[in-house]
Protein backbone atom coordinates (compact mmCIF):
# COMPACT_ATOMS: atom_id res chain seq x y z
CA MET A 1 38.00 -21.20 -15.15
CA HIS A 2 37.61 -17.50 -14.32
CA ARG A 3 35.94 -16.75 -10.86
CA LYS A 4 33.14 -14.28 -11.32
CA THR A 5 32.50 -11.62 -8.67
CA ILE A 6 28.93 -10.57 -8.06
CA ALA A 7 28.69 -7.41 -5.79
CA ILE A 8 25.29 -6.92 -3.95
CA ILE A 9 24.86 -3.49 -2.40
CA GLY A 10 22.61 -3.53 0.41
CA GLY A 11 21.78 -6.19 3.08
CA GLY A 12 18.15 -5.96 3.83
CA PHE A 13 15.69 -8.63 2.79
CA SER A 14 16.46 -8.37 -0.87
CA GLY A 15 20.09 -8.23 -0.81
CA THR A 16 20.24 -10.97 1.70
CA MET A 17 18.05 -13.32 -0.24
CA VAL A 18 19.94 -12.58 -3.54
CA ALA A 19 23.15 -13.74 -1.69
CA VAL A 20 21.57 -16.75 -0.19
CA HIS A 21 20.20 -17.91 -3.49
CA LEU A 22 23.39 -17.21 -5.25
CA LEU A 23 25.39 -19.25 -2.84
CA ARG A 24 22.98 -22.13 -2.84
CA GLN A 25 22.40 -22.31 -6.45
CA THR A 26 25.49 -21.50 -8.53
CA HIS A 27 27.50 -24.22 -9.94
CA GLN A 28 29.93 -21.70 -11.38
CA PRO A 29 33.04 -20.48 -9.83
CA VAL A 30 31.78 -17.32 -8.04
CA GLU A 31 32.42 -14.91 -5.29
CA VAL A 32 29.53 -13.24 -3.61
CA LEU A 33 30.47 -9.81 -2.31
CA LEU A 34 27.86 -8.10 0.06
CA ILE A 35 28.28 -4.54 0.80
CA ASN A 36 26.25 -3.33 3.74
CA LYS A 37 26.52 -0.58 6.38
CA GLY A 38 23.97 0.81 8.82
CA TYR A 39 21.12 -1.49 9.79
CA PRO A 40 21.93 -5.17 10.71
CA LEU A 41 22.66 -7.70 8.05
CA GLY A 42 19.61 -9.54 6.78
CA LYS A 43 17.13 -7.15 8.77
CA GLY A 44 17.35 -3.88 7.03
CA VAL A 45 15.17 -0.90 8.27
CA ALA A 46 11.85 -3.09 8.43
CA TYR A 47 12.98 -5.94 10.50
CA ALA A 48 15.64 -4.37 12.91
CA ALA A 49 12.75 -3.30 15.38
CA ASN A 50 13.77 -4.10 18.86
CA SER A 51 10.24 -4.13 20.27
CA GLU A 52 7.57 -6.91 20.19
CA LYS A 53 4.99 -4.28 19.42
CA TYR A 54 5.85 -3.92 15.99
CA LEU A 55 4.23 -7.01 14.18
CA LEU A 56 4.21 -8.22 10.57
CA ASN A 57 1.24 -7.02 8.76
CA VAL A 58 0.91 -10.33 7.07
CA HIS A 59 0.19 -13.79 8.64
CA ALA A 60 3.25 -15.86 9.27
CA GLY A 61 2.00 -18.49 6.88
CA ARG A 62 2.49 -16.20 4.04
CA MET A 63 5.97 -14.83 4.92
CA SER A 64 8.41 -17.56 3.83
CA ALA A 65 11.57 -16.22 2.47
CA PHE A 66 11.61 -18.91 -0.28
CA PRO A 67 8.90 -18.91 -3.00
CA ASP A 68 9.23 -22.62 -3.50
CA GLN A 69 9.11 -23.55 0.25
CA PRO A 70 5.88 -21.68 1.51
CA THR A 71 5.95 -23.17 5.11
CA HIS A 72 9.63 -22.46 5.69
CA PHE A 73 8.92 -19.61 8.01
CA VAL A 74 6.26 -21.34 9.94
CA ASP A 75 8.52 -24.42 10.25
CA TRP A 76 11.42 -22.28 11.65
CA LEU A 77 8.97 -20.72 14.16
CA LYS A 78 7.97 -23.83 15.34
CA THR A 79 11.56 -24.45 16.45
CA GLN A 80 11.52 -21.31 18.49
CA PRO A 81 10.72 -21.82 22.29
CA ILE A 82 7.88 -19.27 22.13
CA TYR A 83 5.91 -21.25 19.49
CA ALA A 84 7.05 -24.77 20.61
CA HIS A 85 3.53 -25.74 21.81
CA ALA A 86 1.56 -24.18 19.21
CA THR A 87 0.27 -26.18 16.22
CA LEU A 88 1.54 -25.39 12.67
CA GLU A 89 -1.80 -24.13 11.79
CA GLU A 90 -2.08 -21.66 14.71
CA ILE A 91 1.42 -20.30 13.98
CA ALA A 92 0.37 -19.88 10.32
CA HIS A 93 -2.29 -17.65 11.40
CA THR A 94 -0.41 -15.41 13.70
CA PHE A 95 0.99 -11.89 13.12
CA VAL A 96 4.61 -12.33 14.75
CA PRO A 97 6.98 -9.63 15.86
CA ARG A 98 9.03 -8.09 12.94
CA GLN A 99 12.20 -8.50 15.00
CA LEU A 100 11.54 -12.27 15.16
CA TYR A 101 11.50 -12.11 11.22
CA GLY A 102 14.73 -10.39 11.20
CA GLU A 103 16.15 -13.17 13.38
CA TYR A 104 14.79 -15.74 10.78
CA LEU A 105 16.57 -13.92 7.90
CA GLU A 106 19.69 -13.59 9.97
CA ALA A 107 19.46 -17.43 10.50
CA ILE A 108 19.06 -18.20 6.87
CA LEU A 109 22.10 -16.13 5.95
CA GLN A 110 24.32 -17.45 8.69
CA GLU A 111 23.54 -20.98 7.84
CA THR A 112 24.18 -20.40 4.27
CA ILE A 113 27.46 -18.72 4.81
CA HIS A 114 28.62 -21.49 7.01
CA THR A 115 28.23 -23.81 4.36
CA HIS A 116 29.51 -21.66 1.46
CA SER A 117 31.89 -19.43 3.46
CA GLN A 118 34.63 -19.58 0.63
CA LYS A 119 32.36 -18.04 -1.70
CA PHE A 120 31.37 -15.19 0.43
CA THR A 121 32.77 -11.79 1.37
CA LEU A 122 31.13 -9.10 3.64
CA LEU A 123 32.07 -5.58 3.52
CA PRO A 124 30.61 -3.61 6.24
CA GLU A 125 30.87 -0.35 4.06
CA ARG A 126 28.71 2.12 2.23
CA ALA A 127 29.22 2.26 -1.54
CA THR A 128 29.35 5.82 -2.82
CA LYS A 129 30.28 5.40 -6.54
CA LEU A 130 30.29 2.89 -9.52
CA THR A 131 32.26 3.14 -12.58
CA THR A 132 32.77 0.86 -15.40
CA SER A 133 35.58 -0.26 -17.75
CA LYS A 134 35.61 -2.68 -20.70
CA ASP A 135 38.27 -4.80 -22.39
CA LEU A 136 38.01 -7.35 -25.34
CA LEU A 137 36.89 -10.05 -23.01
CA GLN A 138 34.70 -8.61 -20.40
CA GLN A 139 33.06 -5.59 -18.64
CA THR A 140 34.20 -4.75 -14.97
CA TYR A 141 32.54 -2.57 -12.46
CA GLN A 142 34.55 -0.48 -9.85
CA ILE A 143 32.80 0.20 -6.69
CA GLU A 144 34.20 2.95 -4.53
CA LEU A 145 33.41 2.64 -0.67
CA GLU A 146 33.09 5.59 1.63
CA THR A 147 36.57 4.77 3.05
CA GLY A 148 37.92 5.19 -0.58
CA GLN A 149 38.71 1.56 -0.96
CA LYS A 150 37.59 0.08 -4.46
CA VAL A 151 36.34 -3.31 -5.23
CA ALA A 152 35.51 -4.80 -8.68
CA ALA A 153 32.90 -7.01 -9.74
CA GLU A 154 31.55 -8.12 -13.03
CA GLN A 155 27.89 -7.96 -12.09
CA VAL A 156 26.29 -5.74 -9.29
CA VAL A 157 22.94 -5.98 -7.70
CA LEU A 158 21.53 -2.90 -6.29
CA ALA A 159 19.37 -3.71 -3.26
CA LEU A 160 19.14 -0.18 -2.14
CA GLY A 161 16.01 -0.46 0.14
CA ASN A 162 13.86 2.47 0.96
CA PHE A 163 15.32 6.12 0.97
CA GLN A 164 14.20 8.61 3.45
CA PRO A 165 11.15 10.67 2.56
CA ALA A 166 11.35 13.62 0.06
CA PRO A 167 11.87 17.13 1.38
CA MET A 168 8.62 18.98 2.21
CA ARG A 169 7.94 21.39 -0.67
CA CYS A 170 6.05 23.70 1.48
CA VAL A 171 9.27 24.48 3.58
CA ALA A 172 10.72 27.78 2.70
CA PRO A 173 14.37 27.92 1.80
CA ARG A 174 15.24 30.06 5.01
CA GLU A 175 13.53 27.49 7.25
CA THR A 176 15.30 24.36 5.91
CA GLU A 177 18.51 24.73 8.13
CA ALA A 178 16.60 25.43 11.20
CA LEU A 179 14.19 22.46 10.70
CA THR A 180 16.36 19.75 12.29
CA PRO A 181 16.36 17.41 15.28
CA PRO A 182 15.10 17.35 17.78
CA ILE A 183 12.14 19.49 16.69
CA TYR A 184 11.95 18.03 13.01
CA PHE A 185 12.91 14.76 11.73
CA SER A 186 13.11 14.19 7.93
CA ASP A 187 13.93 10.55 8.35
CA PRO A 188 11.27 8.61 10.38
CA TRP A 189 13.48 5.40 10.80
CA ARG A 190 16.20 7.33 12.83
CA PRO A 191 16.44 5.44 16.11
CA ASP A 192 16.18 8.65 18.16
CA ILE A 193 12.92 10.22 16.85
CA LEU A 194 11.15 9.80 20.02
CA GLN A 195 14.21 10.59 22.25
CA ASP A 196 14.01 13.10 24.98
CA LEU A 197 10.30 13.82 24.13
CA PRO A 198 8.41 15.19 26.98
CA ALA A 199 5.49 13.07 28.02
CA ASP A 200 2.91 15.76 27.62
CA ALA A 201 4.41 17.20 24.20
CA THR A 202 2.38 17.94 21.03
CA VAL A 203 3.64 15.68 18.10
CA VAL A 204 2.56 16.17 14.45
CA LEU A 205 3.14 13.28 12.13
CA LEU A 206 3.08 13.91 8.38
CA GLY A 207 1.38 11.00 6.63
CA THR A 208 -1.21 8.47 7.77
CA GLY A 209 0.35 5.16 6.40
CA LEU A 210 2.27 2.44 7.79
CA THR A 211 5.20 4.59 8.90
CA THR A 212 2.81 6.63 11.00
CA ILE A 213 1.54 3.59 12.66
CA ASP A 214 5.12 2.65 13.72
CA ALA A 215 5.47 6.17 15.10
CA LEU A 216 2.21 5.85 17.15
CA LEU A 217 3.18 2.44 18.43
CA GLY A 218 6.58 3.69 19.53
CA LEU A 219 4.99 6.75 21.42
CA GLN A 220 2.47 4.29 23.10
CA GLU A 221 5.26 1.93 24.21
CA GLN A 222 7.36 4.70 25.96
CA GLY A 223 4.21 5.87 27.77
CA PHE A 224 3.68 9.18 25.78
CA THR A 225 0.56 10.99 27.32
CA GLY A 226 0.65 14.15 24.97
CA LYS A 227 -1.32 14.96 21.94
CA VAL A 228 -0.69 13.52 18.45
CA MET A 229 -1.92 14.78 15.05
CA ALA A 230 -1.56 12.67 11.97
CA VAL A 231 -1.95 14.64 8.70
CA SER A 232 -2.57 13.49 5.26
CA THR A 233 -4.38 14.80 2.07
CA ASN A 234 -7.07 12.07 2.42
CA GLY A 235 -6.78 11.54 6.25
CA PHE A 236 -7.19 7.74 5.88
CA LEU A 237 -5.44 5.34 8.21
CA PRO A 238 -4.94 1.72 7.08
CA ARG A 239 -7.61 -0.73 7.48
CA PRO A 240 -7.56 -3.68 9.76
CA TYR A 241 -6.73 -7.16 8.34
CA LEU A 242 -9.65 -9.25 8.22
CA SER A 243 -9.79 -13.03 7.39
CA GLY A 244 -11.17 -12.90 3.91
CA GLN A 245 -10.07 -15.37 1.34
CA PRO A 246 -9.05 -14.02 -2.02
CA ASN A 247 -12.09 -13.64 -4.49
CA ALA A 248 -10.10 -15.49 -7.27
CA ALA A 249 -12.91 -15.37 -9.66
CA PHE A 250 -13.19 -11.57 -9.65
CA GLY A 251 -9.46 -11.39 -9.73
CA ASP A 252 -9.54 -13.56 -13.02
CA ARG A 253 -12.20 -11.39 -14.44
CA ILE A 254 -10.57 -7.84 -13.66
CA ALA A 255 -7.17 -9.13 -15.03
CA GLN A 256 -8.92 -9.40 -18.44
CA ALA A 257 -9.79 -5.76 -18.48
CA SER A 258 -7.84 -3.65 -21.12
CA SER A 259 -8.10 -0.18 -19.68
CA LEU A 260 -8.09 1.52 -16.31
CA LEU A 261 -11.67 2.79 -17.07
CA GLU A 262 -12.79 -0.74 -17.46
CA MET A 263 -10.92 -1.93 -14.30
CA VAL A 264 -12.53 0.75 -12.10
CA ARG A 265 -15.95 -0.08 -13.64
CA LEU A 266 -15.56 -3.88 -12.93
CA PHE A 267 -14.34 -3.06 -9.20
CA ASN A 268 -17.32 -0.91 -8.63
CA GLN A 269 -19.82 -3.28 -9.95
CA GLU A 270 -18.57 -6.06 -7.78
CA LEU A 271 -18.51 -3.83 -4.84
CA LYS A 272 -21.92 -2.74 -5.48
CA GLN A 273 -23.11 -6.31 -5.93
CA HIS A 274 -21.68 -7.21 -2.28
CA GLN A 275 -23.22 -3.75 -1.08
CA GLY A 276 -19.98 -2.39 -0.12
CA GLN A 277 -18.67 -5.53 1.51
CA GLY A 278 -15.93 -7.94 0.51
CA TRP A 279 -13.55 -5.50 -0.56
CA GLU A 280 -10.66 -7.18 1.27
CA GLU A 281 -11.40 -10.55 -0.72
CA MET A 282 -11.47 -8.46 -3.95
CA ILE A 283 -8.06 -6.83 -3.16
CA ASN A 284 -6.73 -10.32 -2.40
CA GLY A 285 -7.99 -11.68 -5.65
CA ILE A 286 -6.25 -8.94 -7.58
CA ARG A 287 -2.91 -9.48 -6.03
CA PRO A 288 -1.65 -12.36 -8.37
CA HIS A 289 -2.46 -10.03 -11.31
CA THR A 290 -1.21 -6.84 -10.18
CA HIS A 291 1.99 -6.78 -12.26
CA ALA A 292 0.15 -7.80 -15.46
CA MET A 293 -2.57 -5.30 -14.89
CA TRP A 294 -0.20 -2.45 -14.23
CA GLN A 295 1.78 -3.23 -17.56
CA LYS A 296 -1.40 -3.14 -19.66
CA LEU A 297 -2.08 0.47 -18.72
CA THR A 298 -0.60 3.25 -20.73
CA ARG A 299 1.71 5.80 -19.07
CA THR A 300 -1.25 8.26 -18.98
CA GLU A 301 -3.36 5.77 -17.28
CA GLN A 302 -0.81 4.74 -14.77
CA ARG A 303 -0.29 8.44 -13.93
CA LYS A 304 -4.04 8.80 -13.51
CA PHE A 305 -4.22 5.78 -11.19
CA MET A 306 -1.37 7.06 -9.17
CA HIS A 307 -2.77 10.55 -8.80
CA ARG A 308 -6.36 9.69 -8.23
CA LEU A 309 -6.37 6.13 -6.71
CA GLY A 310 -2.91 5.59 -5.59
CA SER A 311 -3.47 6.78 -1.99
CA LEU A 312 -6.78 4.86 -1.63
CA TRP A 313 -5.06 1.69 -2.94
CA GLY A 314 -2.37 2.11 -0.18
CA VAL A 315 -5.06 2.14 2.48
CA VAL A 316 -6.87 -0.97 1.38
CA ARG A 317 -3.97 -2.91 0.23
CA HIS A 318 -1.44 -2.37 3.23
CA ARG A 319 -3.36 -3.46 6.14
CA LEU A 320 -2.90 -3.78 9.97
CA PRO A 321 -2.85 -6.64 12.41
CA PRO A 322 -6.18 -6.39 14.34
CA GLN A 323 -4.35 -5.86 17.64
CA VAL A 324 -2.33 -3.00 16.15
CA HIS A 325 -5.58 -1.27 14.63
CA THR A 326 -7.03 -1.63 18.04
CA ALA A 327 -4.22 0.06 19.63
CA VAL A 328 -4.56 2.79 17.31
CA LEU A 329 -8.30 3.09 17.43
CA GLU A 330 -8.05 3.45 21.27
CA MET A 331 -5.72 6.41 20.87
CA GLN A 332 -8.36 7.86 18.65
CA GLN A 333 -11.27 7.26 20.88
CA SER A 334 -9.42 8.86 23.94
CA GLY A 335 -8.72 12.06 22.27
CA GLN A 336 -4.89 11.52 22.25
CA LEU A 337 -4.67 11.08 18.37
CA GLN A 338 -6.44 13.22 15.92
CA VAL A 339 -6.34 12.32 12.29
CA MET A 340 -6.79 15.19 9.79
CA ALA A 341 -7.37 15.42 6.17
CA ALA A 342 -5.44 18.41 5.17
CA ARG A 343 -2.48 19.83 3.13
CA VAL A 344 0.64 21.30 4.80
CA GLN A 345 0.87 24.92 3.73
CA SER A 346 4.05 25.87 5.62
CA MET A 347 6.41 24.97 8.45
CA ALA A 348 8.47 27.31 10.51
CA VAL A 349 10.52 27.28 13.58
CA LYS A 350 8.88 29.34 16.41
CA GLY A 351 11.26 29.26 19.38
CA ASN A 352 11.89 25.69 20.33
CA LYS A 353 8.58 24.51 18.49
CA VAL A 354 7.44 24.19 14.86
CA ALA A 355 4.37 26.09 13.65
CA VAL A 356 2.70 23.74 11.15
CA THR A 357 -0.10 25.53 9.01
CA LEU A 358 -2.61 23.31 7.57
CA GLN A 359 -5.32 23.75 5.02
CA PRO A 360 -8.00 21.30 6.04
CA LYS A 361 -9.95 19.63 3.24
CA ASN A 362 -13.22 21.12 2.56
CA THR A 363 -12.61 24.26 4.53
CA LEU A 364 -11.19 27.60 3.63
CA THR A 365 -9.49 28.52 6.98
CA PRO A 366 -6.14 27.41 7.52
CA GLU A 367 -5.19 26.09 11.03
CA THR A 368 -1.90 26.33 12.75
CA VAL A 369 -0.53 23.97 15.23
CA LEU A 370 2.59 24.48 17.43
CA ALA A 371 4.30 21.22 17.61
CA ASP A 372 7.20 20.23 19.93
CA ARG A 373 8.19 17.52 17.42
CA VAL A 374 7.33 16.91 13.75
CA ILE A 375 8.21 13.55 11.90
CA ASN A 376 7.82 13.21 8.19
CA CYS A 377 6.07 9.87 7.72
CA THR A 378 5.08 10.61 3.98
CA GLY A 379 6.84 7.38 2.77
CA PRO A 380 10.08 6.81 0.96
CA GLN A 381 11.45 8.97 -1.75
CA LEU A 382 11.17 7.15 -5.09
CA LYS A 383 12.12 10.06 -7.48
CA TYR A 384 15.59 8.67 -7.98
CA ASP A 385 16.94 11.83 -9.92
CA ALA A 386 16.17 13.70 -6.59
CA VAL A 387 17.52 11.05 -4.11
CA PRO A 388 20.53 12.62 -2.33
CA ASP A 389 22.51 9.29 -2.54
CA PRO A 390 25.98 9.47 -3.94
CA LEU A 391 25.83 5.84 -5.46
CA VAL A 392 22.44 6.55 -7.30
CA GLN A 393 23.70 9.97 -8.55
CA SER A 394 26.82 8.42 -9.80
CA LEU A 395 24.79 5.85 -11.79
CA LEU A 396 22.62 8.59 -13.32
CA HIS A 397 25.45 10.98 -14.24
CA GLN A 398 27.38 8.31 -16.03
CA ASN A 399 24.44 7.21 -17.93
CA LEU A 400 24.38 3.78 -16.43
CA ALA A 401 20.84 4.21 -15.27
CA VAL A 402 17.73 6.25 -16.12
CA ALA A 403 15.14 7.53 -13.58
CA HIS A 404 11.73 6.09 -14.33
CA PRO A 405 9.33 8.68 -16.00
CA LEU A 406 6.65 7.96 -13.31
CA GLN A 407 9.05 9.15 -10.80
CA MET A 408 9.17 5.81 -9.05
CA GLY A 409 12.57 4.19 -9.04
CA LEU A 410 14.66 3.18 -12.16
CA GLN A 411 13.84 2.20 -15.69
CA VAL A 412 14.48 -1.72 -15.95
CA ASP A 413 13.59 -4.58 -17.81
CA MET A 414 11.59 -7.75 -16.41
CA MET A 415 14.87 -9.25 -14.91
CA GLY A 416 15.54 -6.16 -13.06
CA SER A 417 18.43 -5.14 -15.55
CA LEU A 418 18.91 -1.48 -15.79
CA ILE A 419 17.98 0.19 -19.01
CA GLN A 420 20.38 2.94 -19.93
CA PRO A 421 19.87 6.18 -21.83
CA ASP A 422 20.50 4.72 -25.30
CA GLY A 423 17.96 1.78 -24.53
CA THR A 424 20.66 -0.87 -23.74
CA HIS A 425 19.63 -3.42 -21.15
CA SER A 426 22.67 -3.94 -18.94
CA GLN A 427 24.12 -7.25 -18.58
CA GLY A 428 26.09 -6.19 -15.41
CA LEU A 429 23.81 -3.86 -13.40
CA PHE A 430 20.57 -5.06 -11.77
CA THR A 431 18.09 -3.95 -8.97
CA LEU A 432 15.16 -5.21 -7.23
CA GLY A 433 12.58 -3.94 -4.61
CA SER A 434 11.25 -0.49 -4.55
CA SER A 435 13.40 0.73 -7.37
CA ARG A 436 11.26 -1.31 -9.55
CA ARG A 437 7.96 0.26 -8.62
CA GLY A 438 7.71 2.06 -11.88
CA GLU A 439 7.42 -1.12 -14.00
CA LEU A 440 5.69 -3.23 -11.48
CA TRP A 441 3.80 -0.97 -9.09
CA GLU A 442 3.80 -3.55 -6.40
CA SER A 443 7.38 -4.24 -5.56
CA ASN A 444 7.99 -3.75 -1.84
CA ALA A 445 6.06 -6.64 -0.18
CA ILE A 446 7.71 -9.93 0.58
CA ALA A 447 5.68 -12.04 -1.86
CA GLU A 448 7.21 -9.90 -4.63
CA LEU A 449 10.67 -9.46 -3.17
CA ARG A 450 11.21 -13.16 -2.69
CA GLU A 451 10.34 -13.98 -6.35
CA GLN A 452 12.65 -11.22 -7.59
CA ALA A 453 15.38 -12.42 -5.46
CA SER A 454 14.97 -15.86 -6.55
CA GLN A 455 14.71 -15.13 -10.33
CA LEU A 456 17.46 -12.76 -10.44
CA ALA A 457 19.79 -15.04 -8.60
CA LYS A 458 18.94 -17.85 -10.97
CA HIS A 459 19.72 -15.46 -13.98
CA LEU A 460 23.13 -14.35 -12.38
CA SER A 461 24.07 -18.06 -11.72
CA GLN A 462 24.18 -18.74 -15.51
CA PRO A 463 27.55 -18.58 -17.26
CA PHE A 464 28.52 -14.91 -17.85
CA PHE A 465 30.03 -13.87 -21.30
CA GLY A 466 30.65 -10.24 -20.11
CA TYR A 467 31.49 -7.76 -22.81
CA PHE A 468 29.94 -9.81 -25.79
CA LEU A 469 26.40 -10.11 -24.20
CA GLU A 470 26.33 -6.26 -23.66
CA ASN A 471 24.78 -5.86 -27.19
CA ARG A 472 21.23 -6.88 -26.10
CA PRO A 473 18.08 -5.62 -27.73
CA LYS A 474 17.44 -2.08 -26.91
CA THR A 475 14.44 -0.41 -25.51
CA GLN A 476 13.85 3.38 -26.09
CA PRO A 477 13.64 5.00 -22.57
CA THR A 478 10.82 7.00 -21.85
CA ALA A 479 11.39 10.66 -21.24
CA SER A 480 10.69 12.05 -17.74
CA VAL A 481 7.98 14.76 -17.49
């Protein structure tokens, strides 16, 4: 029987767990090829942190890598010396270091590889191009690596993770070449963003979300005593994680709404009924219904939600462990951290500093800050037709993929199969994670990623009929705007 090759490009949580499920589930002759370069296998950007200050922002009890084994992570933690004397219940309600979660994922992968080594190959390379060829029996994909080597696979999973933030539109072309490290970092996940920073410097962080929180924790850990300004259009920092249980009744009720207007009306009614309290329970109650609610909305309603409510959703949805929130609050109360609601009008190099001109919200007078370092923490680039990644661009240019019209990832079906310009649902190209945000909205938390990885692996484990299954029902791609 023919031995099918499935290539997984990307070795963070998503790519790792697809590989684990494939190796454990499949009863077909298969080779799993994992292509990963950069961050450690299994850890990706999120879990490669080498400091205990960076905590998961979800209780350990909700962080199992397996959707059908909810206590798997807690059980693993109990075997670690640091938690050996804690009860399972105590561990389940703990916010553990992200680096420990990375070790957990690494342990899962290594255990699986040890048992199924004959099916697994790791290529520590970067994939730069993908092409396709067909014959009468099957379709094959050629993956070109950075070294020029080519590998073939019948099916390919794109587990690409997060791309660095989009370039700031306010930067004049003549300034682009000058705005480089060490005074400006366009990639907030570079390991050297805080290197050689004077203790009394002025730092401007563009954005006020979770990436900004990571930067603040890093500054605090290295004893930084200078000034920090965090800037975003709304000026909202993430809220602390409370202990509210899901308001399931409200979640079920709002899930029945048929329009964005009705959803907003029901949310406001519930909030008013509880006198502004209970918002966390309400958000938790919505979580199981997020995908279905998003897909009920028209494209127009989805755009309206993104532009008017998207940033507010991010604030209340992605919360902080209490101890992290306290640390950030202390920086604010001491005057070290200033959070400003403003738009960045321009950035220009002035000697060895960056002049950041801001237009504060509700005022007419711009303000200019001279910063020793500026770090772009505005969040990952999701507009895939603008992502400067050669692999993504090769997919788009060859009509193997279509950028999502909401400028969030790629057009896919509910299995993560790429939809091509002619509406064909590919049988050989799949994706998961943030590249599916346009269709799912919530597609970057462990709760969603573990389900996607499990379901996709189950689908890929089925017998493969290659070319003859390529003629699936077609979906008319939605034009970008």
